Amino acid sequence: MNYPKVIFEDTRELRAQYLTYLAKQIACGFYQDRRFLVLPRLVKKESRAIYFPDIKYPKTLWNELCKYTSEDFDWFFPEKIVKLIQGVMTGSDPCQNKGLTLKGEWKKKEKQFFDCVAEFLPKFDLKKINFIKVLPVEFGTV
């Protein structure tokens, strides 16, 4: 079967957007309501843990994010909010060589991934998908 093309994309802006998304989910209680653990480190094999880096987030960030609800699944946030995250991001610059390694690893797991998609979403037609973008980050869920 021909699978959709998978593109690994990693930029400081996308990482900031994703951290903002995670912060929004924390601010509105989404993870807590679903009994996830929000931790300052990754816990391997713990599927109910959310790794959220322990950095000094400005109070204004939390005030802005509280305006959203847990049902708001925004991915791209206003620039003023994202800049608050970017201002405190450390060690989060993309690793240029990581993408090449991931592509090799991905090819080994591609069929297994799409088999899982077919199993969990049986009515989902992969033929209608041109590509999938992947943001390889060390934070978020396992």
Protein backbone atom coordinates (compact mmCIF):
# COMPACT_ATOMS: atom_id res chain seq x y z
CA MET A 1 0.00 0.00 0.00
CA ASN A 2 1.12 3.55 -0.68
CA TYR A 3 1.12 5.53 2.53
CA PRO A 4 0.90 9.30 2.82
CA LYS A 5 4.26 11.05 2.75
CA VAL A 6 5.60 11.75 6.26
CA ILE A 7 7.56 14.97 6.71
CA PHE A 8 9.66 15.63 9.80
CA GLU A 9 9.63 19.34 10.56
CA ASP A 10 11.39 20.99 13.49
CA THR A 11 11.71 24.72 14.04
CA ARG A 12 11.95 26.92 17.12
CA GLU A 13 8.60 28.49 16.16
CA LEU A 14 6.81 25.12 15.95
CA ARG A 15 8.33 24.03 19.28
CA ALA A 16 7.08 27.26 20.86
CA GLN A 17 3.62 26.71 19.38
CA TYR A 18 3.55 23.17 20.78
CA LEU A 19 4.71 24.28 24.24
CA THR A 20 2.00 26.95 24.10
CA TYR A 21 -0.56 24.26 23.24
CA LEU A 22 0.58 22.10 26.17
CA ALA A 23 0.47 25.13 28.50
CA LYS A 24 -3.06 25.92 27.32
CA GLN A 25 -4.17 22.36 28.03
CA ILE A 26 -2.68 22.65 31.54
CA ALA A 27 -4.13 26.13 32.17
CA CYS A 28 -7.66 25.02 31.33
CA GLY A 29 -7.38 21.74 33.27
CA PHE A 30 -7.72 19.41 30.27
CA TYR A 31 -4.96 17.00 31.35
CA GLN A 32 -5.81 17.15 35.03
CA ASP A 33 -9.51 16.41 34.38
CA ARG A 34 -8.48 13.28 32.49
CA ARG A 35 -6.11 12.10 35.24
CA PHE A 36 -2.88 12.78 33.38
CA LEU A 37 0.23 13.59 35.37
CA VAL A 38 1.92 16.84 34.34
CA LEU A 39 5.60 16.38 35.18
CA PRO A 40 8.84 18.34 34.62
CA ARG A 41 10.50 15.29 33.02
CA LEU A 42 9.65 12.42 30.70
CA VAL A 43 8.71 9.13 32.35
CA LYS A 44 9.31 6.28 29.91
CA LYS A 45 6.44 3.84 29.43
CA GLU A 46 4.09 6.02 31.49
CA SER A 47 1.30 6.73 29.01
CA ARG A 48 -0.56 9.05 31.40
CA ALA A 49 2.32 11.47 31.87
CA ILE A 50 2.73 14.83 30.17
CA TYR A 51 6.28 16.15 30.11
CA PHE A 52 6.13 19.92 30.46
CA PRO A 53 9.58 21.53 30.83
CA ASP A 54 10.18 23.31 34.13
CA ILE A 55 11.17 26.77 32.94
CA LYS A 56 10.17 30.18 34.23
CA TYR A 57 6.95 30.88 32.32
CA PRO A 58 5.69 34.46 32.70
CA LYS A 59 2.48 34.93 34.69
CA THR A 60 1.07 36.85 31.72
CA LEU A 61 1.28 33.61 29.69
CA TRP A 62 -1.05 31.81 32.09
CA ASN A 63 -3.41 34.80 32.17
CA GLU A 64 -3.65 34.75 28.36
CA LEU A 65 -4.12 30.98 28.18
CA CYS A 66 -6.91 30.94 30.76
CA LYS A 67 -9.06 32.69 28.16
CA TYR A 68 -9.24 29.40 26.22
CA THR A 69 -11.36 26.40 27.14
CA SER A 70 -10.39 22.74 27.05
CA GLU A 71 -12.61 22.36 23.99
CA ASP A 72 -10.52 24.90 22.05
CA PHE A 73 -8.12 22.76 20.06
CA ASP A 74 -6.18 25.68 18.63
CA TRP A 75 -2.74 24.78 17.45
CA PHE A 76 -1.50 28.15 16.26
CA PHE A 77 -1.72 30.83 18.90
CA PRO A 78 -1.39 34.61 18.58
CA GLU A 79 2.19 35.81 18.20
CA LYS A 80 2.11 37.74 21.49
CA ILE A 81 1.45 34.49 23.40
CA VAL A 82 4.03 32.43 21.52
CA LYS A 83 6.68 35.11 22.07
CA LEU A 84 6.18 34.71 25.82
CA ILE A 85 7.16 31.04 25.46
CA GLN A 86 10.00 31.76 23.04
CA GLY A 87 11.43 34.25 25.51
CA VAL A 88 11.97 31.54 28.12
CA MET A 89 12.81 28.56 25.89
CA THR A 90 16.27 27.19 26.60
CA GLY A 91 17.90 24.23 24.97
CA SER A 92 14.95 23.87 22.63
CA ASP A 93 16.64 24.73 19.37
CA PRO A 94 16.06 22.11 16.70
CA CYS A 95 18.79 19.55 16.17
CA GLN A 96 19.65 19.50 12.47
CA ASN A 97 20.91 15.90 12.41
CA LYS A 98 17.97 14.50 14.36
CA GLY A 99 15.75 14.52 11.27
CA LEU A 100 18.03 12.19 9.33
CA THR A 101 18.14 9.70 12.19
CA LEU A 102 14.37 9.84 12.60
CA LYS A 103 13.78 9.23 8.91
CA GLY A 104 15.77 6.00 9.14
CA GLU A 105 13.91 4.94 12.27
CA TRP A 106 10.60 5.96 10.73
CA LYS A 107 11.03 3.66 7.72
CA LYS A 108 11.33 0.72 10.13
CA LYS A 109 8.06 1.63 11.88
CA GLU A 110 6.02 3.14 9.05
CA LYS A 111 3.93 0.05 8.25
CA GLN A 112 3.27 -0.62 11.95
CA PHE A 113 2.11 2.98 12.44
CA PHE A 114 -0.30 2.92 9.53
CA ASP A 115 -1.57 -0.53 10.57
CA CYS A 116 -2.43 1.02 13.97
CA VAL A 117 -4.19 3.93 12.26
CA ALA A 118 -6.25 1.45 10.22
CA GLU A 119 -7.09 -0.56 13.35
CA PHE A 120 -8.12 2.40 15.52
CA LEU A 121 -9.74 4.46 12.76
CA PRO A 122 -11.14 1.82 10.39
CA LYS A 123 -13.27 4.29 8.42
CA PHE A 124 -10.39 6.73 7.98
CA ASP A 125 -9.33 6.76 4.32
CA LEU A 126 -5.56 7.19 4.14
CA LYS A 127 -5.78 7.61 0.37
CA LYS A 128 -7.28 11.07 0.96
CA ILE A 129 -4.20 12.21 2.91
CA ASN A 130 -1.31 13.67 0.91
CA PHE A 131 1.15 14.10 3.75
CA ILE A 132 1.54 14.08 7.52
CA LYS A 133 3.86 16.50 9.31
CA VAL A 134 5.66 15.28 12.41
CA LEU A 135 7.21 17.58 15.01
CA PRO A 136 9.79 15.44 16.85
CA VAL A 137 10.00 16.87 20.36
CA GLU A 138 10.99 15.45 23.71
CA PHE A 139 8.11 17.08 25.62
CA GLY A 140 4.39 16.33 25.67
CA THR A 141 3.03 12.80 25.94
CA VAL A 142 4.96 9.60 25.47
